[in-house]
Amino acid sequence: MPKSTTSQATGDFGETYVRTVIETGWRCLLIPHWGRDRFGIDGMVIDVVNGEIQPFQFNVQIKTGNFTGRKRSTDFLAPVHSDHLSFWKQMNVPVVLVCVDTTPPTTAYWHLITPGDTLPVYMNRRKILGPGSRDVVIGAVRKAVNKNQDLTVDGKVLNVPLQSGVRKVAKAYYRRLKSELHSHPIYGPMQFTWRGWRHITRRKRSIKKIAHAMQLLPSVPEVIKLAINPVSSRELEPIEKGNYTLSRTLLVFEPTIKIPHRADARIRLVIERDTIFPSDWATTDPKDPRRVQVCRFFSLSEIPQKRKKMKADKNGSGVSAEFQSKMLSSEPLRMAALAAKNNPTA
């Protein structure tokens, strides 16, 4: 009678686990290529937001085994062959490597393959592929795909009447933001809470940074509408509350704001996204209404612009050699400089 090998059973277990995470935990689609290991790709993930399929996808390759003993600090070695790594790096669709550790409790880890990856490939134990990791993984893939595409938004600044304090006007405008409806094209409805206000006005910030954040508040609604790809994201430690798990992710956007009558400003907007789902998510119906996703404004700041410094020449004059050569290009100036050099006491 036909019988599956231990290796096949282990591989099937890992593939089933990852499919459960993506389809039940993330509510996304996983189109499998099971049984085609020679191709080096196990499946394709298609993003889904609030039941609507998005024009965004990436490939996954799944490795399953006991990775407990393969420790190097917080990393472990991934079983990757050189030909597979070379193939993944040349693909026009991003590849996410997933390693499923079968040691109880079962845990999956992810790593985005980049053009700079070389053997050996190490998996970071902090990058856990779980039901709340969707924003972090897809955010990292989107960032890699659009790394050379900087977003520029037509912004506004706070209109502060004469004899009025900036803080008073900014707080009144923030109160208006709280009462309005806002929505992000990918992450859905957005809330403004007093926690976000306290964060941008906290005492640890300098007065200058607080003032800049207040003045740029009117640009935030437009950024929320247009900023699709976060430049970075961080998944915080999950919180268990009874029969539910709260997964919190910080999404960072850094667009450039074009503002009339002043230099362009590069801002850092941080959105806090909570996903609340039943702790028994793996055995829960994907249509279960108990899964809740909430987005909130978290922080706003202006990124300081780096100023180019003029290189000083060897005698410390502060004037570059190129500038000196241009200034002394004419014959009279050259003769005057030569005379000053020959007679320094004159």
C-alpha atoms as a PDB file:
ATOM      1  CA  MET A   1       0.000   0.000   0.000  1.00  0.00           C
ATOM      2  CA  PRO A   2       1.239   3.543  -0.754  1.00  0.00           C
ATOM      3  CA  LYS A   3       2.617   5.291   2.316  1.00  0.00           C
ATOM      4  CA  SER A   4       3.824   8.836   2.838  1.00  0.00           C
ATOM      5  CA  THR A   5       7.295   9.352   4.232  1.00  0.00           C
ATOM      6  CA  THR A   6       8.118  11.216   7.427  1.00  0.00           C
ATOM      7  CA  SER A   7       9.563  14.050   5.373  1.00  0.00           C
ATOM      8  CA  GLN A   8       6.353  14.393   3.350  1.00  0.00           C
ATOM      9  CA  ALA A   9       4.206  14.356   6.488  1.00  0.00           C
ATOM     10  CA  THR A  10       6.362  17.084   8.065  1.00  0.00           C
ATOM     11  CA  GLY A  11       6.152  19.207   4.919  1.00  0.00           C
ATOM     12  CA  ASP A  12       2.376  18.799   4.729  1.00  0.00           C
ATOM     13  CA  PHE A  13       2.081  19.857   8.374  1.00  0.00           C
ATOM     14  CA  GLY A  14       4.041  23.079   7.760  1.00  0.00           C
ATOM     15  CA  GLU A  15       2.104  23.939   4.611  1.00  0.00           C
ATOM     16  CA  THR A  16      -1.219  23.398   6.376  1.00  0.00           C
ATOM     17  CA  TYR A  17      -0.134  25.562   9.297  1.00  0.00           C
ATOM     18  CA  VAL A  18       0.956  28.456   7.045  1.00  0.00           C
ATOM     19  CA  ARG A  19      -2.246  28.212   5.035  1.00  0.00           C
ATOM     20  CA  THR A  20      -4.267  28.421   8.250  1.00  0.00           C
ATOM     21  CA  VAL A  21      -2.349  31.530   9.337  1.00  0.00           C
ATOM     22  CA  ILE A  22      -2.820  33.317   5.994  1.00  0.00           C
ATOM     23  CA  GLU A  23      -6.410  32.338   5.216  1.00  0.00           C
ATOM     24  CA  THR A  24      -7.925  32.145   8.709  1.00  0.00           C
ATOM     25  CA  GLY A  25      -5.627  34.518  10.582  1.00  0.00           C
ATOM     26  CA  TRP A  26      -4.946  37.168   7.920  1.00  0.00           C
ATOM     27  CA  ARG A  27      -8.168  36.636   5.906  1.00  0.00           C
ATOM     28  CA  CYS A  28      -6.029  36.652   2.724  1.00  0.00           C
ATOM     29  CA  LEU A  29      -5.772  34.119  -0.114  1.00  0.00           C
ATOM     30  CA  LEU A  30      -3.070  31.476  -0.528  1.00  0.00           C
ATOM     31  CA  ILE A  31      -2.902  29.781  -3.892  1.00  0.00           C
ATOM     32  CA  PRO A  32      -0.819  26.641  -3.281  1.00  0.00           C
ATOM     33  CA  HIS A  33       1.685  24.915  -5.530  1.00  0.00           C
ATOM     34  CA  TRP A  34       1.915  21.847  -3.295  1.00  0.00           C
ATOM     35  CA  GLY A  35       3.825  18.926  -4.751  1.00  0.00           C
ATOM     36  CA  ARG A  36       6.015  21.139  -6.951  1.00  0.00           C
ATOM     37  CA  ASP A  37       9.049  21.411  -4.675  1.00  0.00           C
ATOM     38  CA  ARG A  38      11.410  21.337  -7.617  1.00  0.00           C
ATOM     39  CA  PHE A  39      10.189  24.796  -8.594  1.00  0.00           C
ATOM     40  CA  GLY A  40      11.264  26.349  -5.276  1.00  0.00           C
ATOM     41  CA  ILE A  41       7.915  28.115  -4.710  1.00  0.00           C
ATOM     42  CA  ASP A  42       5.172  26.638  -2.512  1.00  0.00           C
ATOM     43  CA  GLY A  43       2.435  29.181  -3.059  1.00  0.00           C
ATOM     44  CA  MET A  44       1.297  32.701  -3.885  1.00  0.00           C
ATOM     45  CA  VAL A  45      -0.370  35.047  -1.388  1.00  0.00           C
ATOM     46  CA  ILE A  46      -2.963  37.581  -2.590  1.00  0.00           C
ATOM     47  CA  ASP A  47      -3.822  40.410  -0.231  1.00  0.00           C
ATOM     48  CA  VAL A  48      -7.433  40.895   0.878  1.00  0.00           C
ATOM     49  CA  VAL A  49      -8.718  43.896   2.843  1.00  0.00           C
ATOM     50  CA  ASN A  50     -12.223  43.813   4.341  1.00  0.00           C
ATOM     51  CA  GLY A  51     -13.227  41.070   1.898  1.00  0.00           C
ATOM     52  CA  GLU A  52     -11.961  42.993  -1.150  1.00  0.00           C
ATOM     53  CA  ILE A  53      -9.123  41.463  -3.171  1.00  0.00           C
ATOM     54  CA  GLN A  54      -6.194  43.849  -3.640  1.00  0.00           C
ATOM     55  CA  PRO A  55      -3.907  44.010  -6.720  1.00  0.00           C
ATOM     56  CA  PHE A  56      -0.940  42.897  -4.641  1.00  0.00           C
ATOM     57  CA  GLN A  57       0.727  39.508  -4.275  1.00  0.00           C
ATOM     58  CA  PHE A  58       3.935  37.759  -3.258  1.00  0.00           C
ATOM     59  CA  ASN A  59       5.324  34.211  -3.275  1.00  0.00           C
ATOM     60  CA  VAL A  60       6.071  31.995  -0.283  1.00  0.00           C
ATOM     61  CA  GLN A  61       8.462  29.106   0.199  1.00  0.00           C
ATOM     62  CA  ILE A  62       7.857  26.967   3.275  1.00  0.00           C
ATOM     63  CA  LYS A  63      10.464  24.958   5.197  1.00  0.00           C
ATOM     64  CA  THR A  64       9.337  22.736   8.061  1.00  0.00           C
ATOM     65  CA  GLY A  65      11.406  21.034  10.742  1.00  0.00           C
ATOM     66  CA  ASN A  66      12.802  21.147  14.264  1.00  0.00           C
ATOM     67  CA  PHE A  67      14.762  24.405  14.426  1.00  0.00           C
ATOM     68  CA  THR A  68      15.176  24.526  18.220  1.00  0.00           C
ATOM     69  CA  GLY A  69      18.756  23.310  18.142  1.00  0.00           C
ATOM     70  CA  ARG A  70      19.811  25.644  15.331  1.00  0.00           C
ATOM     71  CA  LYS A  71      20.257  28.707  17.517  1.00  0.00           C
ATOM     72  CA  ARG A  72      22.589  31.650  17.055  1.00  0.00           C
ATOM     73  CA  SER A  73      21.504  34.289  19.514  1.00  0.00           C
ATOM     74  CA  THR A  74      17.958  35.166  18.347  1.00  0.00           C
ATOM     75  CA  ASP A  75      18.527  33.635  14.891  1.00  0.00           C
ATOM     76  CA  PHE A  76      18.656  30.180  13.377  1.00  0.00           C
ATOM     77  CA  LEU A  77      19.967  28.853  10.103  1.00  0.00           C
ATOM     78  CA  ALA A  78      17.411  28.359   7.319  1.00  0.00           C
ATOM     79  CA  PRO A  79      17.775  25.237   5.122  1.00  0.00           C
ATOM     80  CA  VAL A  80      18.254  27.076   1.821  1.00  0.00           C
ATOM     81  CA  HIS A  81      20.167  25.883  -1.252  1.00  0.00           C
ATOM     82  CA  SER A  82      22.231  28.276  -3.346  1.00  0.00           C
ATOM     83  CA  ASP A  83      20.276  27.569  -6.551  1.00  0.00           C
ATOM     84  CA  HIS A  84      16.961  28.337  -4.841  1.00  0.00           C
ATOM     85  CA  LEU A  85      18.309  31.578  -3.343  1.00  0.00           C
ATOM     86  CA  SER A  86      19.632  32.688  -6.723  1.00  0.00           C
ATOM     87  CA  PHE A  87      16.261  31.879  -8.314  1.00  0.00           C
ATOM     88  CA  TRP A  88      14.298  33.859  -5.689  1.00  0.00           C
ATOM     89  CA  LYS A  89      16.533  36.926  -6.055  1.00  0.00           C
ATOM     90  CA  GLN A  90      15.931  37.028  -9.810  1.00  0.00           C
ATOM     91  CA  MET A  91      12.137  36.792  -9.589  1.00  0.00           C
ATOM     92  CA  ASN A  92      10.039  39.867 -10.407  1.00  0.00           C
ATOM     93  CA  VAL A  93       7.599  38.907  -7.612  1.00  0.00           C
ATOM     94  CA  PRO A  94       8.885  39.140  -4.005  1.00  0.00           C
ATOM     95  CA  VAL A  95       9.532  35.877  -2.160  1.00  0.00           C
ATOM     96  CA  VAL A  96       8.953  35.403   1.566  1.00  0.00           C
ATOM     97  CA  LEU A  97      10.726  32.432   3.133  1.00  0.00           C
ATOM     98  CA  VAL A  98       8.758  30.818   5.963  1.00  0.00           C
ATOM     99  CA  CYS A  99      10.260  28.320   8.416  1.00  0.00           C
ATOM    100  CA  VAL A 100       7.800  26.363  10.565  1.00  0.00           C
ATOM    101  CA  ASP A 101       9.301  25.075  13.811  1.00  0.00           C
ATOM    102  CA  THR A 102       7.434  21.890  14.783  1.00  0.00           C
ATOM    103  CA  THR A 103       8.701  22.023  18.372  1.00  0.00           C
ATOM    104  CA  PRO A 104       5.631  22.646  20.604  1.00  0.00           C
ATOM    105  CA  PRO A 105       4.157  25.196  20.465  1.00  0.00           C
ATOM    106  CA  THR A 106       4.293  25.320  16.667  1.00  0.00           C
ATOM    107  CA  THR A 107       5.716  28.656  15.493  1.00  0.00           C
ATOM    108  CA  ALA A 108       6.386  30.016  12.012  1.00  0.00           C
ATOM    109  CA  TYR A 109       9.056  32.626  11.201  1.00  0.00           C
ATOM    110  CA  TRP A 110       9.360  34.755   8.057  1.00  0.00           C
ATOM    111  CA  HIS A 111      12.146  36.405   6.085  1.00  0.00           C
ATOM    112  CA  LEU A 112      11.811  38.577   2.979  1.00  0.00           C
ATOM    113  CA  ILE A 113      14.353  37.605   0.324  1.00  0.00           C
ATOM    114  CA  THR A 114      16.261  40.662  -0.922  1.00  0.00           C
ATOM    115  CA  PRO A 115      18.832  41.108  -3.727  1.00  0.00           C
ATOM    116  CA  GLY A 116      21.560  41.467  -1.110  1.00  0.00           C
ATOM    117  CA  ASP A 117      20.924  38.102   0.583  1.00  0.00           C
ATOM    118  CA  THR A 118      23.754  35.570   0.553  1.00  0.00           C
ATOM    119  CA  LEU A 119      24.259  32.153   2.069  1.00  0.00           C
ATOM    120  CA  PRO A 120      23.869  31.308   4.864  1.00  0.00           C
ATOM    121  CA  VAL A 121      20.370  32.759   5.398  1.00  0.00           C
ATOM    122  CA  TYR A 122      19.391  33.272   9.033  1.00  0.00           C
ATOM    123  CA  MET A 123      15.832  33.552  10.340  1.00  0.00           C
ATOM    124  CA  ASN A 124      15.065  36.082  13.061  1.00  0.00           C
ATOM    125  CA  ARG A 125      13.008  34.573  15.887  1.00  0.00           C
ATOM    126  CA  ARG A 126      11.367  37.953  16.472  1.00  0.00           C
ATOM    127  CA  LYS A 127       9.726  37.818  13.019  1.00  0.00           C
ATOM    128  CA  ILE A 128       6.829  35.505  13.833  1.00  0.00           C
ATOM    129  CA  LEU A 129       4.281  34.637  11.164  1.00  0.00           C
ATOM    130  CA  GLY A 130       1.020  34.644  13.092  1.00  0.00           C
ATOM    131  CA  PRO A 131      -2.569  35.855  12.766  1.00  0.00           C
ATOM    132  CA  GLY A 132      -1.558  39.407  13.725  1.00  0.00           C
ATOM    133  CA  SER A 133       1.546  39.696  11.529  1.00  0.00           C
ATOM    134  CA  ARG A 134      -0.227  40.541   8.266  1.00  0.00           C
ATOM    135  CA  ASP A 135       0.494  44.293   8.406  1.00  0.00           C
ATOM    136  CA  VAL A 136       4.195  43.817   9.165  1.00  0.00           C
ATOM    137  CA  VAL A 137       4.817  41.214   6.444  1.00  0.00           C
ATOM    138  CA  ILE A 138       2.832  42.963   3.710  1.00  0.00           C
ATOM    139  CA  GLY A 139       4.257  46.321   4.768  1.00  0.00           C
ATOM    140  CA  ALA A 140       7.806  44.970   4.373  1.00  0.00           C
ATOM    141  CA  VAL A 141       6.990  43.511   0.946  1.00  0.00           C
ATOM    142  CA  ARG A 142       5.352  46.746  -0.229  1.00  0.00           C
ATOM    143  CA  LYS A 143       8.347  48.747   0.965  1.00  0.00           C
ATOM    144  CA  ALA A 144      10.728  46.496  -0.989  1.00  0.00           C
ATOM    145  CA  VAL A 145       8.610  46.776  -4.143  1.00  0.00           C
ATOM    146  CA  ASN A 146       8.232  50.566  -3.935  1.00  0.00           C
ATOM    147  CA  LYS A 147      11.559  51.483  -2.311  1.00  0.00           C
ATOM    148  CA  ASN A 148      12.398  54.028  -5.019  1.00  0.00           C
ATOM    149  CA  GLN A 149       8.965  55.644  -5.134  1.00  0.00           C
ATOM    150  CA  ASP A 150       8.762  58.598  -2.749  1.00  0.00           C
ATOM    151  CA  LEU A 151       5.309  59.998  -2.074  1.00  0.00           C
ATOM    152  CA  THR A 152       4.762  63.748  -2.443  1.00  0.00           C
ATOM    153  CA  VAL A 153       1.554  65.276  -1.091  1.00  0.00           C
ATOM    154  CA  ASP A 154       0.174  68.804  -1.400  1.00  0.00           C
ATOM    155  CA  GLY A 155      -0.115  69.811   2.227  1.00  0.00           C
ATOM    156  CA  LYS A 156      -1.392  72.608   4.419  1.00  0.00           C
ATOM    157  CA  VAL A 157      -0.255  74.333   7.575  1.00  0.00           C
ATOM    158  CA  LEU A 158      -2.267  75.442  10.566  1.00  0.00           C
ATOM    159  CA  ASN A 159      -3.850  78.869  10.169  1.00  0.00           C
ATOM    160  CA  VAL A 160      -3.120  80.689  13.427  1.00  0.00           C
ATOM    161  CA  PRO A 161      -4.863  84.078  13.799  1.00  0.00           C
ATOM    162  CA  LEU A 162      -2.957  87.002  15.239  1.00  0.00           C
ATOM    163  CA  GLN A 163      -2.897  87.189  19.041  1.00  0.00           C
ATOM    164  CA  SER A 164      -3.821  83.497  19.265  1.00  0.00           C
ATOM    165  CA  GLY A 165      -1.673  80.742  20.724  1.00  0.00           C
ATOM    166  CA  VAL A 166      -0.543  77.909  18.432  1.00  0.00           C
ATOM    167  CA  ARG A 167      -1.390  75.236  21.006  1.00  0.00           C
ATOM    168  CA  LYS A 168      -4.942  76.514  21.517  1.00  0.00           C
ATOM    169  CA  VAL A 169      -5.657  76.625  17.761  1.00  0.00           C
ATOM    170  CA  ALA A 170      -4.003  73.230  17.170  1.00  0.00           C
ATOM    171  CA  LYS A 171      -6.036  71.581  19.923  1.00  0.00           C
ATOM    172  CA  ALA A 172      -9.271  72.988  18.481  1.00  0.00           C
ATOM    173  CA  TYR A 173      -8.301  71.629  15.040  1.00  0.00           C
ATOM    174  CA  TYR A 174      -7.411  68.218  16.537  1.00  0.00           C
ATOM    175  CA  ARG A 175     -10.804  68.143  18.264  1.00  0.00           C
ATOM    176  CA  ARG A 176     -12.362  68.657  14.829  1.00  0.00           C
ATOM    177  CA  LEU A 177     -10.299  65.781  13.421  1.00  0.00           C
ATOM    178  CA  LYS A 178     -11.702  63.553  16.197  1.00  0.00           C
ATOM    179  CA  SER A 179     -15.260  64.339  15.149  1.00  0.00           C
ATOM    180  CA  GLU A 180     -14.696  63.672  11.420  1.00  0.00           C
ATOM    181  CA  LEU A 181     -14.615  60.387   9.527  1.00  0.00           C
ATOM    182  CA  HIS A 182     -11.258  59.349   8.046  1.00  0.00           C
ATOM    183  CA  SER A 183     -10.308  56.244   6.094  1.00  0.00           C
ATOM    184  CA  HIS A 184      -7.060  54.753   4.835  1.00  0.00           C
ATOM    185  CA  PRO A 185      -7.263  53.024   1.402  1.00  0.00           C
ATOM    186  CA  ILE A 186      -5.619  49.849   2.750  1.00  0.00           C
ATOM    187  CA  TYR A 187      -6.181  49.767   6.515  1.00  0.00           C
ATOM    188  CA  GLY A 188      -9.722  51.123   6.641  1.00  0.00           C
ATOM    189  CA  PRO A 189     -11.362  53.605   9.059  1.00  0.00           C
ATOM    190  CA  MET A 190      -8.994  55.832  11.034  1.00  0.00           C
ATOM    191  CA  GLN A 191      -9.613  57.301  14.475  1.00  0.00           C
ATOM    192  CA  PHE A 192      -8.077  60.332  16.180  1.00  0.00           C
ATOM    193  CA  THR A 193      -7.872  59.970  19.965  1.00  0.00           C
ATOM    194  CA  TRP A 194      -6.474  62.122  22.752  1.00  0.00           C
ATOM    195  CA  ARG A 195      -3.701  59.569  23.107  1.00  0.00           C
ATOM    196  CA  GLY A 196      -2.298  60.764  19.772  1.00  0.00           C
ATOM    197  CA  TRP A 197      -2.531  64.393  20.924  1.00  0.00           C
ATOM    198  CA  ARG A 198      -0.670  63.562  24.147  1.00  0.00           C
ATOM    199  CA  HIS A 199       2.016  61.793  22.140  1.00  0.00           C
ATOM    200  CA  ILE A 200       2.836  64.759  19.869  1.00  0.00           C
ATOM    201  CA  THR A 201       2.755  67.204  22.828  1.00  0.00           C
ATOM    202  CA  ARG A 202       4.585  65.059  25.398  1.00  0.00           C
ATOM    203  CA  ARG A 203       7.132  66.788  27.627  1.00  0.00           C
ATOM    204  CA  LYS A 204      10.088  64.794  26.320  1.00  0.00           C
ATOM    205  CA  ARG A 205       9.744  66.591  22.985  1.00  0.00           C
ATOM    206  CA  SER A 206      11.387  69.938  22.384  1.00  0.00           C
ATOM    207  CA  ILE A 207       9.180  73.003  21.965  1.00  0.00           C
ATOM    208  CA  LYS A 208      10.365  73.292  18.355  1.00  0.00           C
ATOM    209  CA  LYS A 209       9.284  69.725  17.477  1.00  0.00           C
ATOM    210  CA  ILE A 210       5.918  70.190  19.174  1.00  0.00           C
ATOM    211  CA  ALA A 211       5.305  73.431  17.268  1.00  0.00           C
ATOM    212  CA  HIS A 212       6.224  71.823  13.924  1.00  0.00           C
ATOM    213  CA  ALA A 213       3.890  68.878  14.573  1.00  0.00           C
ATOM    214  CA  MET A 214       1.007  71.204  15.448  1.00  0.00           C
ATOM    215  CA  GLN A 215       1.546  73.331  12.333  1.00  0.00           C
ATOM    216  CA  LEU A 216       1.521  70.234  10.076  1.00  0.00           C
ATOM    217  CA  LEU A 217      -1.687  68.721  11.501  1.00  0.00           C
ATOM    218  CA  PRO A 218      -3.860  69.953   8.550  1.00  0.00           C
ATOM    219  CA  SER A 219      -1.716  67.844   6.180  1.00  0.00           C
ATOM    220  CA  VAL A 220      -2.478  64.576   7.994  1.00  0.00           C
ATOM    221  CA  PRO A 221      -5.920  63.849   6.397  1.00  0.00           C
ATOM    222  CA  GLU A 222      -4.453  64.098   2.886  1.00  0.00           C
ATOM    223  CA  VAL A 223      -1.516  61.866   3.834  1.00  0.00           C
ATOM    224  CA  ILE A 224      -3.910  59.252   5.228  1.00  0.00           C
ATOM    225  CA  LYS A 225      -5.753  59.174   1.900  1.00  0.00           C
ATOM    226  CA  LEU A 226      -2.635  58.811  -0.279  1.00  0.00           C
ATOM    227  CA  ALA A 227       0.089  57.121   1.791  1.00  0.00           C
ATOM    228  CA  ILE A 228      -0.343  53.439   0.928  1.00  0.00           C
ATOM    229  CA  ASN A 229       3.090  51.918   1.495  1.00  0.00           C
ATOM    230  CA  PRO A 230       4.669  52.218   4.970  1.00  0.00           C
ATOM    231  CA  VAL A 231       8.440  52.674   5.019  1.00  0.00           C
ATOM    232  CA  SER A 232       8.672  50.511   8.138  1.00  0.00           C
ATOM    233  CA  SER A 233       6.501  48.710  10.664  1.00  0.00           C
ATOM    234  CA  ARG A 234       6.884  47.115  14.069  1.00  0.00           C
ATOM    235  CA  GLU A 235       4.727  44.416  15.624  1.00  0.00           C
ATOM    236  CA  LEU A 236       4.427  44.737  19.388  1.00  0.00           C
ATOM    237  CA  GLU A 237       4.088  41.876  21.830  1.00  0.00           C
ATOM    238  CA  PRO A 238       0.566  40.331  21.634  1.00  0.00           C
ATOM    239  CA  ILE A 239      -1.706  40.893  24.633  1.00  0.00           C
ATOM    240  CA  GLU A 240      -3.985  38.109  25.874  1.00  0.00           C
ATOM    241  CA  LYS A 241      -7.352  39.309  27.216  1.00  0.00           C
ATOM    242  CA  GLY A 242      -9.535  36.418  28.270  1.00  0.00           C
ATOM    243  CA  ASN A 243     -10.504  34.457  25.174  1.00  0.00           C
ATOM    244  CA  TYR A 244      -9.130  37.141  22.854  1.00  0.00           C
ATOM    245  CA  THR A 245      -5.699  38.198  21.606  1.00  0.00           C
ATOM    246  CA  LEU A 246      -4.802  41.805  20.805  1.00  0.00           C
ATOM    247  CA  SER A 247      -2.078  42.229  18.183  1.00  0.00           C
ATOM    248  CA  ARG A 248      -0.747  45.792  17.834  1.00  0.00           C
ATOM    249  CA  THR A 249       1.331  47.075  14.899  1.00  0.00           C
ATOM    250  CA  LEU A 250       2.928  50.493  14.369  1.00  0.00           C
ATOM    251  CA  LEU A 251       2.985  51.585  10.711  1.00  0.00           C
ATOM    252  CA  VAL A 252       5.367  54.383   9.700  1.00  0.00           C
ATOM    253  CA  PHE A 253       4.845  56.613   6.649  1.00  0.00           C
ATOM    254  CA  GLU A 254       7.362  59.250   5.519  1.00  0.00           C
ATOM    255  CA  PRO A 255       5.937  61.344   2.647  1.00  0.00           C
ATOM    256  CA  THR A 256       7.172  64.729   1.465  1.00  0.00           C
ATOM    257  CA  ILE A 257       4.736  67.596   2.001  1.00  0.00           C
ATOM    258  CA  LYS A 258       4.690  70.473  -0.492  1.00  0.00           C
ATOM    259  CA  ILE A 259       3.626  73.603   1.353  1.00  0.00           C
ATOM    260  CA  PRO A 260       3.144  77.074  -0.209  1.00  0.00           C
ATOM    261  CA  HIS A 261       5.538  79.849   0.858  1.00  0.00           C
ATOM    262  CA  ARG A 262       8.012  77.537   2.626  1.00  0.00           C
ATOM    263  CA  ALA A 263      10.412  74.689   1.922  1.00  0.00           C
ATOM    264  CA  ASP A 264       9.047  71.176   1.435  1.00  0.00           C
ATOM    265  CA  ALA A 265       8.740  69.170   4.646  1.00  0.00           C
ATOM    266  CA  ARG A 266       9.409  65.454   5.060  1.00  0.00           C
ATOM    267  CA  ILE A 267       7.199  64.147   7.839  1.00  0.00           C
ATOM    268  CA  ARG A 268       6.950  60.935   9.816  1.00  0.00           C
ATOM    269  CA  LEU A 269       3.372  59.789  10.403  1.00  0.00           C
ATOM    270  CA  VAL A 270       2.820  56.788  12.661  1.00  0.00           C
ATOM    271  CA  ILE A 271      -0.445  54.839  12.645  1.00  0.00           C
ATOM    272  CA  GLU A 272      -1.333  52.362  15.370  1.00  0.00           C
ATOM    273  CA  ARG A 273      -3.319  49.354  14.143  1.00  0.00           C
ATOM    274  CA  ASP A 274      -4.950  46.852  16.508  1.00  0.00           C
ATOM    275  CA  THR A 275      -6.248  43.468  15.437  1.00  0.00           C
ATOM    276  CA  ILE A 276      -8.419  41.686  18.005  1.00  0.00           C
ATOM    277  CA  PHE A 277      -9.242  38.050  17.323  1.00  0.00           C
ATOM    278  CA  PRO A 278     -10.259  34.926  19.289  1.00  0.00           C
ATOM    279  CA  SER A 279      -7.340  33.074  20.889  1.00  0.00           C
ATOM    280  CA  ASP A 280      -8.580  29.911  19.168  1.00  0.00           C
ATOM    281  CA  TRP A 281      -8.234  31.634  15.752  1.00  0.00           C
ATOM    282  CA  ALA A 282      -6.944  28.464  14.036  1.00  0.00           C
ATOM    283  CA  THR A 283     -10.245  26.649  14.628  1.00  0.00           C
ATOM    284  CA  THR A 284     -12.512  29.663  14.164  1.00  0.00           C
ATOM    285  CA  ASP A 285     -14.714  30.186  11.136  1.00  0.00           C
ATOM    286  CA  PRO A 286     -13.058  32.803   8.870  1.00  0.00           C
ATOM    287  CA  LYS A 287     -16.392  34.635   8.712  1.00  0.00           C
ATOM    288  CA  ASP A 288     -16.561  34.920  12.503  1.00  0.00           C
ATOM    289  CA  PRO A 289     -17.578  38.536  13.294  1.00  0.00           C
ATOM    290  CA  ARG A 290     -15.535  38.582  16.496  1.00  0.00           C
ATOM    291  CA  ARG A 291     -12.408  39.683  14.592  1.00  0.00           C
ATOM    292  CA  VAL A 292     -12.020  43.466  14.966  1.00  0.00           C
ATOM    293  CA  GLN A 293      -9.496  45.820  13.351  1.00  0.00           C
ATOM    294  CA  VAL A 294      -8.981  49.374  14.603  1.00  0.00           C
ATOM    295  CA  CYS A 295      -6.628  52.082  13.237  1.00  0.00           C
ATOM    296  CA  ARG A 296      -5.615  55.179  15.206  1.00  0.00           C
ATOM    297  CA  PHE A 297      -3.438  58.223  14.643  1.00  0.00           C
ATOM    298  CA  PHE A 298      -0.402  57.762  16.888  1.00  0.00           C
ATOM    299  CA  SER A 299       2.315  60.326  16.155  1.00  0.00           C
ATOM    300  CA  LEU A 300       3.461  63.117  13.826  1.00  0.00           C
ATOM    301  CA  SER A 301       6.855  64.782  13.455  1.00  0.00           C
ATOM    302  CA  GLU A 302       8.918  66.643  10.872  1.00  0.00           C
ATOM    303  CA  ILE A 303      12.150  64.946   9.838  1.00  0.00           C
ATOM    304  CA  PRO A 304      15.056  67.415  10.059  1.00  0.00           C
ATOM    305  CA  GLN A 305      16.708  68.153   6.724  1.00  0.00           C
ATOM    306  CA  LYS A 306      20.440  67.565   6.498  1.00  0.00           C
ATOM    307  CA  ARG A 307      22.403  70.643   5.503  1.00  0.00           C
ATOM    308  CA  LYS A 308      25.440  70.351   3.259  1.00  0.00           C
ATOM    309  CA  LYS A 309      28.582  71.666   4.895  1.00  0.00           C
ATOM    310  CA  MET A 310      31.279  73.431   2.856  1.00  0.00           C
ATOM    311  CA  LYS A 311      34.573  71.611   3.113  1.00  0.00           C
ATOM    312  CA  ALA A 312      37.424  73.723   4.452  1.00  0.00           C
ATOM    313  CA  ASP A 313      40.742  73.827   2.671  1.00  0.00           C
ATOM    314  CA  LYS A 314      44.030  72.739   4.250  1.00  0.00           C
ATOM    315  CA  ASN A 315      44.770  76.155   5.768  1.00  0.00           C
ATOM    316  CA  GLY A 316      41.365  76.168   7.488  1.00  0.00           C
ATOM    317  CA  SER A 317      40.006  79.145   5.618  1.00  0.00           C
ATOM    318  CA  GLY A 318      36.584  77.543   5.225  1.00  0.00           C
ATOM    319  CA  VAL A 319      36.610  78.137   1.464  1.00  0.00           C
ATOM    320  CA  SER A 320      36.789  75.138  -0.833  1.00  0.00           C
ATOM    321  CA  ALA A 321      39.581  74.784  -3.372  1.00  0.00           C
ATOM    322  CA  GLU A 322      37.013  74.747  -6.202  1.00  0.00           C
ATOM    323  CA  PHE A 323      35.585  78.075  -5.043  1.00  0.00           C
ATOM    324  CA  GLN A 324      39.063  79.582  -4.739  1.00  0.00           C
ATOM    325  CA  SER A 325      39.937  78.530  -8.288  1.00  0.00           C
ATOM    326  CA  LYS A 326      36.789  80.185  -9.634  1.00  0.00           C
ATOM    327  CA  MET A 327      37.442  83.396  -7.723  1.00  0.00           C
ATOM    328  CA  LEU A 328      41.041  83.550  -8.937  1.00  0.00           C
ATOM    329  CA  SER A 329      40.276  82.720 -12.535  1.00  0.00           C
ATOM    330  CA  SER A 330      40.856  86.286 -13.700  1.00  0.00           C
ATOM    331  CA  GLU A 331      44.431  87.580 -14.130  1.00  0.00           C
ATOM    332  CA  PRO A 332      44.192  90.646 -11.809  1.00  0.00           C
ATOM    333  CA  LEU A 333      42.891  88.558  -8.900  1.00  0.00           C
ATOM    334  CA  ARG A 334      45.584  85.940  -9.502  1.00  0.00           C
ATOM    335  CA  MET A 335      48.308  88.581  -9.425  1.00  0.00           C
ATOM    336  CA  ALA A 336      46.900  90.108  -6.233  1.00  0.00           C
ATOM    337  CA  ALA A 337      46.789  86.698  -4.536  1.00  0.00           C
ATOM    338  CA  LEU A 338      50.376  85.975  -5.632  1.00  0.00           C
ATOM    339  CA  ALA A 339      51.558  89.314  -4.226  1.00  0.00           C
ATOM    340  CA  ALA A 340      49.818  88.640  -0.891  1.00  0.00           C
ATOM    341  CA  LYS A 341      51.452  85.226  -0.716  1.00  0.00           C
ATOM    342  CA  ASN A 342      54.946  86.581  -1.400  1.00  0.00           C
ATOM    343  CA  ASN A 343      54.532  89.440   1.075  1.00  0.00           C
ATOM    344  CA  PRO A 344      52.367  88.118   3.940  1.00  0.00           C
ATOM    345  CA  THR A 345      53.213  91.046   6.263  1.00  0.00           C
ATOM    346  CA  ALA A 346      51.931  93.673   3.830  1.00  0.00           C
END
